[in-house]
Amino acid sequence: MPNTGSFELSPVGPYSISASARFLEGFAPAHYEGGGSEHLRFAFVADGLDSGEQIAGAYVYPEGEKVVIETYGEAPPQTVRDQVERILSLDVDGSRFPEVGERDPVVGGLQRRYPGLRPVCFYSPYEAAAWAIIGNRIRIVQAAKVKARMAEELGELVQINGQNEQAFPGPSRLLHLDAFRGLSGRRVEYLRTLCHAALAGKLEASYLRSLSTTEALARLKELPGIGDFSAQLILLRGAGETDQCPTREPRLARAVTMAYGLKEVPTAEEVAEISEGWRPYRTWVALHLRTMLEDDTNEITSGTRSSRLRLAQA
């Protein structure tokens, strides 16, 4: 399948494709096997109701100080380009991020440990919400296998730079799902309701980011199976909201305890107070902290109780 377009991006502020690749390879929901640290391959359903759930592919690599995006699949190249820009948090001016590290030595240490790391988002808020439902109250590694199997069995294939990749199925493909191996309880029912919301435009990234944080979270929690933690996940890591602290993430509180050398695990209110010093990149710093926690504990990959607790909060 030939590529349909090629674009160059000039990141504003520190950015490293290698950092994005390393993060994705360790991010269970992505089930990412990129095969190299200097390029990225993405397959996904294109943004926008008018896209008709067209399949999209992107091959991303550095060229000097620029980032090149080659587009593949049925979706309009500009749509793919804009979506990848959001996925990699390259739609954000990161030039002031080093200032946060200068103000806060802990953040500065994380920036040195993970140079050029920015949040790598889910391909869409819809996919983030689907992940929250799939993974509720089961181990993260188990949920990741179910999500990957759904992509393989129900998703569409796109060839990217000569390699086949499967996209997670769009809402139309899951709308009439009756059952799927690994989805117990009311998960299938919740996914169908989620698909209706997505097809009504209620999970578009542009729509969610146009609302106040309070309103966006409230509307997300109207969806069955979506609680406080899941709503924050969808907004921050699905829609790509840059400056919010995921206070409902229990792992973040423990990461703050480790990084700041605290004697006790802080409350959500105390984490929010500490995060005031991370503005205007609170989401970015939170991701650095959670990355540090996993690197130092391997609690998700080892399947400890705390990794199960994280999804039980969804």
Foldseek 3Di string as FASTA:
>chain_A
DDFDDKDKAQFAAFAAQLLVVVVLVVQLLNVDDQPDSFKGKDWAQFFDLVQVRWIKIWIWGDDVNMIMITIFGDGDPVRNVVLQCLQQVSVDNCRCQVVLCVVPVLLVVLCVVRPRHFHRFDSALLSLLLLLLQQALHASNLSSVQQVVQQVPQFDWIADPNRIDTYRHALVSLLPDDDDPSRDDCSSVLSNQSSVCVSVVLGRLVVLVVDDPVVSLVVQVVRPSADLQSSCSSNCRRSPQFADASLLQQLLQVLCCVSVVNPDRDHSVVVRVVLVSSPPGSSGSSVSSSVVSCVVPVCRVVRDPSSSVRSNSD
